[in-house]
PDB file of all heavy atoms in Angstrom:
ATOM      1  N   SER A   1       2.669   7.876  14.341  1.00  0.00           N
ATOM      2  CA  SER A   1       3.073   7.141  13.148  1.00  0.00           C
ATOM      3  C   SER A   1       2.327   5.812  13.023  1.00  0.00           C
ATOM      4  O   SER A   1       1.943   5.407  11.919  1.00  0.00           O
ATOM      5  CB  SER A   1       4.584   6.893  13.179  1.00  0.00           C
ATOM      6  OG  SER A   1       4.952   6.167  14.345  1.00  0.00           O
ATOM      7  N   THR A   2       2.085   5.136  14.155  1.00  0.00           N
ATOM      8  CA  THR A   2       1.373   3.867  14.111  1.00  0.00           C
ATOM      9  C   THR A   2      -0.090   4.058  13.726  1.00  0.00           C
ATOM     10  O   THR A   2      -0.645   3.277  12.944  1.00  0.00           O
ATOM     11  CB  THR A   2       1.452   3.151  15.471  1.00  0.00           C
ATOM     12  OG1 THR A   2       2.821   2.987  15.839  1.00  0.00           O
ATOM     13  CG2 THR A   2       0.787   1.789  15.413  1.00  0.00           C
ATOM     14  N   ARG A   3      -0.708   5.116  14.249  1.00  0.00           N
ATOM     15  CA  ARG A   3      -2.108   5.344  13.871  1.00  0.00           C
ATOM     16  C   ARG A   3      -2.226   5.738  12.397  1.00  0.00           C
ATOM     17  O   ARG A   3      -3.192   5.383  11.725  1.00  0.00           O
ATOM     18  CB  ARG A   3      -2.727   6.431  14.747  1.00  0.00           C
ATOM     19  CG  ARG A   3      -4.215   6.544  14.491  1.00  0.00           C
ATOM     20  CD  ARG A   3      -4.965   7.354  15.482  1.00  0.00           C
ATOM     21  NE  ARG A   3      -6.380   7.332  15.170  1.00  0.00           N
ATOM     22  CZ  ARG A   3      -7.295   8.085  15.768  1.00  0.00           C
ATOM     23  NH1 ARG A   3      -6.926   8.919  16.742  1.00  0.00           N
ATOM     24  NH2 ARG A   3      -8.549   8.027  15.422  1.00  0.00           N
ATOM     25  N   THR A   4      -1.235   6.446  11.880  1.00  0.00           N
ATOM     26  CA  THR A   4      -1.235   6.767  10.454  1.00  0.00           C
ATOM     27  C   THR A   4      -1.142   5.499   9.618  1.00  0.00           C
ATOM     28  O   THR A   4      -1.877   5.324   8.629  1.00  0.00           O
ATOM     29  CB  THR A   4      -0.067   7.702  10.125  1.00  0.00           C
ATOM     30  OG1 THR A   4      -0.192   8.914  10.884  1.00  0.00           O
ATOM     31  CG2 THR A   4      -0.041   8.043   8.640  1.00  0.00           C
ATOM     32  N   MET A   5      -0.255   4.595  10.000  1.00  0.00           N
ATOM     33  CA  MET A   5      -0.122   3.328   9.279  1.00  0.00           C
ATOM     34  C   MET A   5      -1.394   2.500   9.405  1.00  0.00           C
ATOM     35  O   MET A   5      -1.840   1.860   8.438  1.00  0.00           O
ATOM     36  CB  MET A   5       1.075   2.544   9.827  1.00  0.00           C
ATOM     37  CG  MET A   5       1.380   1.264   9.085  1.00  0.00           C
ATOM     38  SD  MET A   5       2.740   0.347   9.852  1.00  0.00           S
ATOM     39  CE  MET A   5       4.036   1.597   9.818  1.00  0.00           C
ATOM     40  N   ASP A   6      -2.001   2.529  10.586  1.00  0.00           N
ATOM     41  CA  ASP A   6      -3.223   1.763  10.818  1.00  0.00           C
ATOM     42  C   ASP A   6      -4.349   2.257   9.922  1.00  0.00           C
ATOM     43  O   ASP A   6      -5.073   1.456   9.315  1.00  0.00           O
ATOM     44  CB  ASP A   6      -3.613   1.892  12.298  1.00  0.00           C
ATOM     45  CG  ASP A   6      -4.856   1.094  12.631  1.00  0.00           C
ATOM     46  OD1 ASP A   6      -4.728  -0.111  12.888  1.00  0.00           O
ATOM     47  OD2 ASP A   6      -5.961   1.691  12.648  1.00  0.00           O
ATOM     48  N   PHE A   7      -4.506   3.571   9.800  1.00  0.00           N
ATOM     49  CA  PHE A   7      -5.577   4.114   8.966  1.00  0.00           C
ATOM     50  C   PHE A   7      -5.279   3.892   7.484  1.00  0.00           C
ATOM     51  O   PHE A   7      -6.195   3.695   6.685  1.00  0.00           O
ATOM     52  CB  PHE A   7      -5.758   5.605   9.244  1.00  0.00           C
ATOM     53  CG  PHE A   7      -7.151   6.098   8.963  1.00  0.00           C
ATOM     54  CD1 PHE A   7      -8.111   6.080   9.956  1.00  0.00           C
ATOM     55  CD2 PHE A   7      -7.504   6.549   7.708  1.00  0.00           C
ATOM     56  CE1 PHE A   7      -9.406   6.510   9.700  1.00  0.00           C
ATOM     57  CE2 PHE A   7      -8.793   6.978   7.445  1.00  0.00           C
ATOM     58  CZ  PHE A   7      -9.742   6.957   8.452  1.00  0.00           C
ATOM     59  N   PHE A   8      -4.008   3.927   7.110  1.00  0.00           N
ATOM     60  CA  PHE A   8      -3.656   3.662   5.716  1.00  0.00           C
ATOM     61  C   PHE A   8      -4.050   2.252   5.315  1.00  0.00           C
ATOM     62  O   PHE A   8      -4.546   2.024   4.197  1.00  0.00           O
ATOM     63  CB  PHE A   8      -2.160   3.880   5.502  1.00  0.00           C
ATOM     64  CG  PHE A   8      -1.687   3.530   4.117  1.00  0.00           C
ATOM     65  CD1 PHE A   8      -1.889   4.403   3.058  1.00  0.00           C
ATOM     66  CD2 PHE A   8      -1.050   2.323   3.870  1.00  0.00           C
ATOM     67  CE1 PHE A   8      -1.469   4.088   1.778  1.00  0.00           C
ATOM     68  CE2 PHE A   8      -0.627   1.992   2.602  1.00  0.00           C
ATOM     69  CZ  PHE A   8      -0.835   2.880   1.549  1.00  0.00           C
ATOM     70  N   MET A   9      -3.847   1.277   6.197  1.00  0.00           N
ATOM     71  CA  MET A   9      -4.226  -0.095   5.877  1.00  0.00           C
ATOM     72  C   MET A   9      -5.736  -0.243   5.761  1.00  0.00           C
ATOM     73  O   MET A   9      -6.232  -1.090   5.009  1.00  0.00           O
ATOM     74  CB  MET A   9      -3.665  -1.058   6.932  1.00  0.00           C
ATOM     75  CG  MET A   9      -2.180  -1.313   6.775  1.00  0.00           C
ATOM     76  SD  MET A   9      -1.548  -2.621   7.842  1.00  0.00           S
ATOM     77  CE  MET A   9      -1.530  -1.758   9.418  1.00  0.00           C
ATOM     78  N   THR A  10      -6.497   0.587   6.486  1.00  0.00           N
ATOM     79  CA  THR A  10      -7.954   0.572   6.344  1.00  0.00           C
ATOM     80  C   THR A  10      -8.369   1.010   4.948  1.00  0.00           C
ATOM     81  O   THR A  10      -9.298   0.443   4.353  1.00  0.00           O
ATOM     82  CB  THR A  10      -8.593   1.495   7.391  1.00  0.00           C
ATOM     83  OG1 THR A  10      -8.178   1.086   8.704  1.00  0.00           O
ATOM     84  CG2 THR A  10     -10.104   1.441   7.323  1.00  0.00           C
ATOM     85  N   ASP A  11      -7.713   2.019   4.394  1.00  0.00           N
ATOM     86  CA  ASP A  11      -7.987   2.428   3.022  1.00  0.00           C
ATOM     87  C   ASP A  11      -7.445   1.410   2.014  1.00  0.00           C
ATOM     88  O   ASP A  11      -8.055   1.170   0.962  1.00  0.00           O
ATOM     89  CB  ASP A  11      -7.365   3.797   2.740  1.00  0.00           C
ATOM     90  CG  ASP A  11      -8.134   4.925   3.400  1.00  0.00           C
ATOM     91  OD1 ASP A  11      -9.277   4.701   3.818  1.00  0.00           O
ATOM     92  OD2 ASP A  11      -7.594   6.038   3.508  1.00  0.00           O
ATOM     93  N   TYR A  12      -6.324   0.814   2.350  1.00  0.00           N
ATOM     94  CA  TYR A  12      -5.690  -0.127   1.420  1.00  0.00           C
ATOM     95  C   TYR A  12      -6.553  -1.365   1.196  1.00  0.00           C
ATOM     96  O   TYR A  12      -6.600  -1.897   0.085  1.00  0.00           O
ATOM     97  CB  TYR A  12      -4.317  -0.527   1.950  1.00  0.00           C
ATOM     98  CG  TYR A  12      -3.612  -1.559   1.101  1.00  0.00           C
ATOM     99  CD1 TYR A  12      -3.112  -1.218  -0.150  1.00  0.00           C
ATOM    100  CD2 TYR A  12      -3.445  -2.862   1.549  1.00  0.00           C
ATOM    101  CE1 TYR A  12      -2.476  -2.162  -0.939  1.00  0.00           C
ATOM    102  CE2 TYR A  12      -2.805  -3.804   0.774  1.00  0.00           C
ATOM    103  CZ  TYR A  12      -2.316  -3.451  -0.468  1.00  0.00           C
ATOM    104  OH  TYR A  12      -1.697  -4.388  -1.255  1.00  0.00           O
ATOM    105  N   ILE A  13      -7.259  -1.836   2.232  1.00  0.00           N
ATOM    106  CA  ILE A  13      -8.061  -3.039   2.059  1.00  0.00           C
ATOM    107  C   ILE A  13      -9.207  -2.787   1.085  1.00  0.00           C
ATOM    108  O   ILE A  13      -9.599  -3.684   0.328  1.00  0.00           O
ATOM    109  CB  ILE A  13      -8.604  -3.539   3.426  1.00  0.00           C
ATOM    110  CG1 ILE A  13      -9.203  -4.938   3.291  1.00  0.00           C
ATOM    111  CG2 ILE A  13      -9.620  -2.579   3.995  1.00  0.00           C
ATOM    112  CD1 ILE A  13      -8.206  -5.998   2.912  1.00  0.00           C
ATOM    113  N   CYS A  14      -9.734  -1.562   1.056  1.00  0.00           N
ATOM    114  CA  CYS A  14     -10.797  -1.240   0.086  1.00  0.00           C
ATOM    115  C   CYS A  14     -10.244  -1.265  -1.333  1.00  0.00           C
ATOM    116  O   CYS A  14     -10.905  -1.751  -2.265  1.00  0.00           O
ATOM    117  CB  CYS A  14     -11.396   0.127   0.397  1.00  0.00           C
ATOM    118  SG  CYS A  14     -12.228   0.211   1.994  1.00  0.00           S
ATOM    119  N   ASP A  15      -9.053  -0.722  -1.502  1.00  0.00           N
ATOM    120  CA  ASP A  15      -8.408  -0.765  -2.809  1.00  0.00           C
ATOM    121  C   ASP A  15      -8.144  -2.207  -3.235  1.00  0.00           C
ATOM    122  O   ASP A  15      -8.313  -2.578  -4.407  1.00  0.00           O
ATOM    123  CB  ASP A  15      -7.104   0.031  -2.742  1.00  0.00           C
ATOM    124  CG  ASP A  15      -6.563   0.380  -4.124  1.00  0.00           C
ATOM    125  OD1 ASP A  15      -7.330   0.298  -5.096  1.00  0.00           O
ATOM    126  OD2 ASP A  15      -5.376   0.730  -4.222  1.00  0.00           O
ATOM    127  N   LEU A  16      -7.749  -3.036  -2.295  1.00  0.00           N
ATOM    128  CA  LEU A  16      -7.474  -4.441  -2.585  1.00  0.00           C
ATOM    129  C   LEU A  16      -8.745  -5.196  -2.965  1.00  0.00           C
ATOM    130  O   LEU A  16      -8.743  -6.033  -3.883  1.00  0.00           O
ATOM    131  CB  LEU A  16      -6.815  -5.098  -1.367  1.00  0.00           C
ATOM    132  CG  LEU A  16      -6.068  -6.418  -1.594  1.00  0.00           C
ATOM    133  CD1 LEU A  16      -4.897  -6.213  -2.538  1.00  0.00           C
ATOM    134  CD2 LEU A  16      -5.589  -6.971  -0.257  1.00  0.00           C
ATOM    135  N   VAL A  17      -9.843  -4.902  -2.274  1.00  0.00           N
ATOM    136  CA  VAL A  17     -11.122  -5.544  -2.590  1.00  0.00           C
ATOM    137  C   VAL A  17     -11.555  -5.200  -4.016  1.00  0.00           C
ATOM    138  O   VAL A  17     -12.009  -6.072  -4.773  1.00  0.00           O
ATOM    139  CB  VAL A  17     -12.198  -5.115  -1.568  1.00  0.00           C
ATOM    140  CG1 VAL A  17     -13.591  -5.477  -2.062  1.00  0.00           C
ATOM    141  CG2 VAL A  17     -11.953  -5.774  -0.226  1.00  0.00           C
ATOM    142  N   ALA A  18     -11.406  -3.931  -4.394  1.00  0.00           N
ATOM    143  CA  ALA A  18     -11.802  -3.518  -5.745  1.00  0.00           C
ATOM    144  C   ALA A  18     -10.964  -4.221  -6.808  1.00  0.00           C
ATOM    145  O   ALA A  18     -11.482  -4.595  -7.879  1.00  0.00           O
ATOM    146  CB  ALA A  18     -11.675  -2.003  -5.876  1.00  0.00           C
ATOM    147  N   ARG A  19      -9.676  -4.435  -6.535  1.00  0.00           N
ATOM    148  CA  ARG A  19      -8.823  -5.112  -7.514  1.00  0.00           C
ATOM    149  C   ARG A  19      -9.125  -6.604  -7.583  1.00  0.00           C
ATOM    150  O   ARG A  19      -9.101  -7.209  -8.653  1.00  0.00           O
ATOM    151  CB  ARG A  19      -7.351  -4.883  -7.175  1.00  0.00           C
ATOM    152  CG  ARG A  19      -6.888  -3.473  -7.493  1.00  0.00           C
ATOM    153  CD  ARG A  19      -5.384  -3.335  -7.464  1.00  0.00           C
ATOM    154  NE  ARG A  19      -4.878  -3.242  -6.096  1.00  0.00           N
ATOM    155  CZ  ARG A  19      -3.998  -4.075  -5.567  1.00  0.00           C
ATOM    156  NH1 ARG A  19      -3.515  -5.059  -6.296  1.00  0.00           N
ATOM    157  NH2 ARG A  19      -3.576  -3.916  -4.336  1.00  0.00           N
ATOM    158  N   TYR A  20      -9.394  -7.230  -6.429  1.00  0.00           N
ATOM    159  CA  TYR A  20      -9.735  -8.649  -6.427  1.00  0.00           C
ATOM    160  C   TYR A  20     -11.093  -8.899  -7.083  1.00  0.00           C
ATOM    161  O   TYR A  20     -11.306  -9.955  -7.684  1.00  0.00           O
ATOM    162  CB  TYR A  20      -9.768  -9.180  -4.993  1.00  0.00           C
ATOM    163  CG  TYR A  20      -8.410  -9.495  -4.416  1.00  0.00           C
ATOM    164  CD1 TYR A  20      -7.244  -9.285  -5.134  1.00  0.00           C
ATOM    165  CD2 TYR A  20      -8.287 -10.007  -3.129  1.00  0.00           C
ATOM    166  CE1 TYR A  20      -6.001  -9.579  -4.598  1.00  0.00           C
ATOM    167  CE2 TYR A  20      -7.046 -10.312  -2.582  1.00  0.00           C
ATOM    168  CZ  TYR A  20      -5.914 -10.093  -3.322  1.00  0.00           C
ATOM    169  OH  TYR A  20      -4.692 -10.387  -2.775  1.00  0.00           O
ATOM    170  N   GLN A  21     -12.016  -7.945  -6.959  1.00  0.00           N
ATOM    171  CA  GLN A  21     -13.364  -8.139  -7.481  1.00  0.00           C
ATOM    172  C   GLN A  21     -13.372  -8.286  -9.002  1.00  0.00           C
ATOM    173  O   GLN A  21     -14.162  -9.048  -9.550  1.00  0.00           O
ATOM    174  CB  GLN A  21     -14.253  -6.968  -7.040  1.00  0.00           C
ATOM    175  CG  GLN A  21     -15.727  -7.159  -7.322  1.00  0.00           C
ATOM    176  CD  GLN A  21     -16.148  -6.558  -8.653  1.00  0.00           C
ATOM    177  OE1 GLN A  21     -15.397  -5.790  -9.244  1.00  0.00           O
ATOM    178  NE2 GLN A  21     -17.341  -6.911  -9.105  1.00  0.00           N
ATOM    179  N   SER A  22     -12.532  -7.552  -9.679  1.00  0.00           N
ATOM    180  CA  SER A  22     -12.484  -7.612 -11.150  1.00  0.00           C
ATOM    181  C   SER A  22     -11.069  -7.923 -11.620  1.00  0.00           C
ATOM    182  O   SER A  22     -10.504  -7.205 -12.446  1.00  0.00           O
ATOM    183  CB  SER A  22     -12.968  -6.289 -11.750  1.00  0.00           C
ATOM    184  OG  SER A  22     -12.197  -5.207 -11.249  1.00  0.00           O
ATOM    185  N   LYS A  23     -10.504  -8.986 -11.077  1.00  0.00           N
ATOM    186  CA  LYS A  23      -9.145  -9.376 -11.433  1.00  0.00           C
ATOM    187  C   LYS A  23      -9.097  -9.861 -12.879  1.00  0.00           C
ATOM    188  O   LYS A  23      -9.917 -10.698 -13.291  1.00  0.00           O
ATOM    189  CB  LYS A  23      -8.662 -10.482 -10.506  1.00  0.00           C
ATOM    190  CG  LYS A  23      -7.219 -10.899 -10.758  1.00  0.00           C
ATOM    191  CD  LYS A  23      -6.796 -11.986  -9.784  1.00  0.00           C
ATOM    192  CE  LYS A  23      -5.358 -12.414 -10.042  1.00  0.00           C
ATOM    193  NZ  LYS A  23      -4.932 -13.490  -9.111  1.00  0.00           N
ATOM    194  N   PRO A  24      -8.173  -9.351 -13.685  1.00  0.00           N
ATOM    195  CA  PRO A  24      -8.088  -9.790 -15.101  1.00  0.00           C
ATOM    196  C   PRO A  24      -7.732 -11.272 -15.200  1.00  0.00           C
ATOM    197  O   PRO A  24      -6.927 -11.790 -14.422  1.00  0.00           O
ATOM    198  CB  PRO A  24      -6.980  -8.910 -15.680  1.00  0.00           C
ATOM    199  CG  PRO A  24      -6.852  -7.746 -14.738  1.00  0.00           C
ATOM    200  CD  PRO A  24      -7.213  -8.274 -13.385  1.00  0.00           C
ATOM    201  N   GLN A  25      -8.350 -11.944 -16.142  1.00  0.00           N
ATOM    202  CA  GLN A  25      -8.079 -13.361 -16.403  1.00  0.00           C
ATOM    203  C   GLN A  25      -7.322 -13.476 -17.727  1.00  0.00           C
ATOM    204  O   GLN A  25      -7.899 -13.650 -18.793  1.00  0.00           O
ATOM    205  CB  GLN A  25      -9.395 -14.140 -16.451  1.00  0.00           C
ATOM    206  CG  GLN A  25     -10.239 -14.026 -15.202  1.00  0.00           C
ATOM    207  CD  GLN A  25      -9.571 -14.638 -13.982  1.00  0.00           C
ATOM    208  OE1 GLN A  25      -8.698 -15.522 -14.103  1.00  0.00           O
ATOM    209  NE2 GLN A  25      -9.955 -14.177 -12.811  1.00  0.00           N
TER     210      GLN A  25
END
C-alpha cells in the first residue's frame, strides 16, 4: 500500500506541474 501511494505521488507531481505551468489568471 505504501509503494502504491509513493508511485501515485510521482504521477501527481507531473499533473501539478502542468497545472502550475498554465495557471489561469
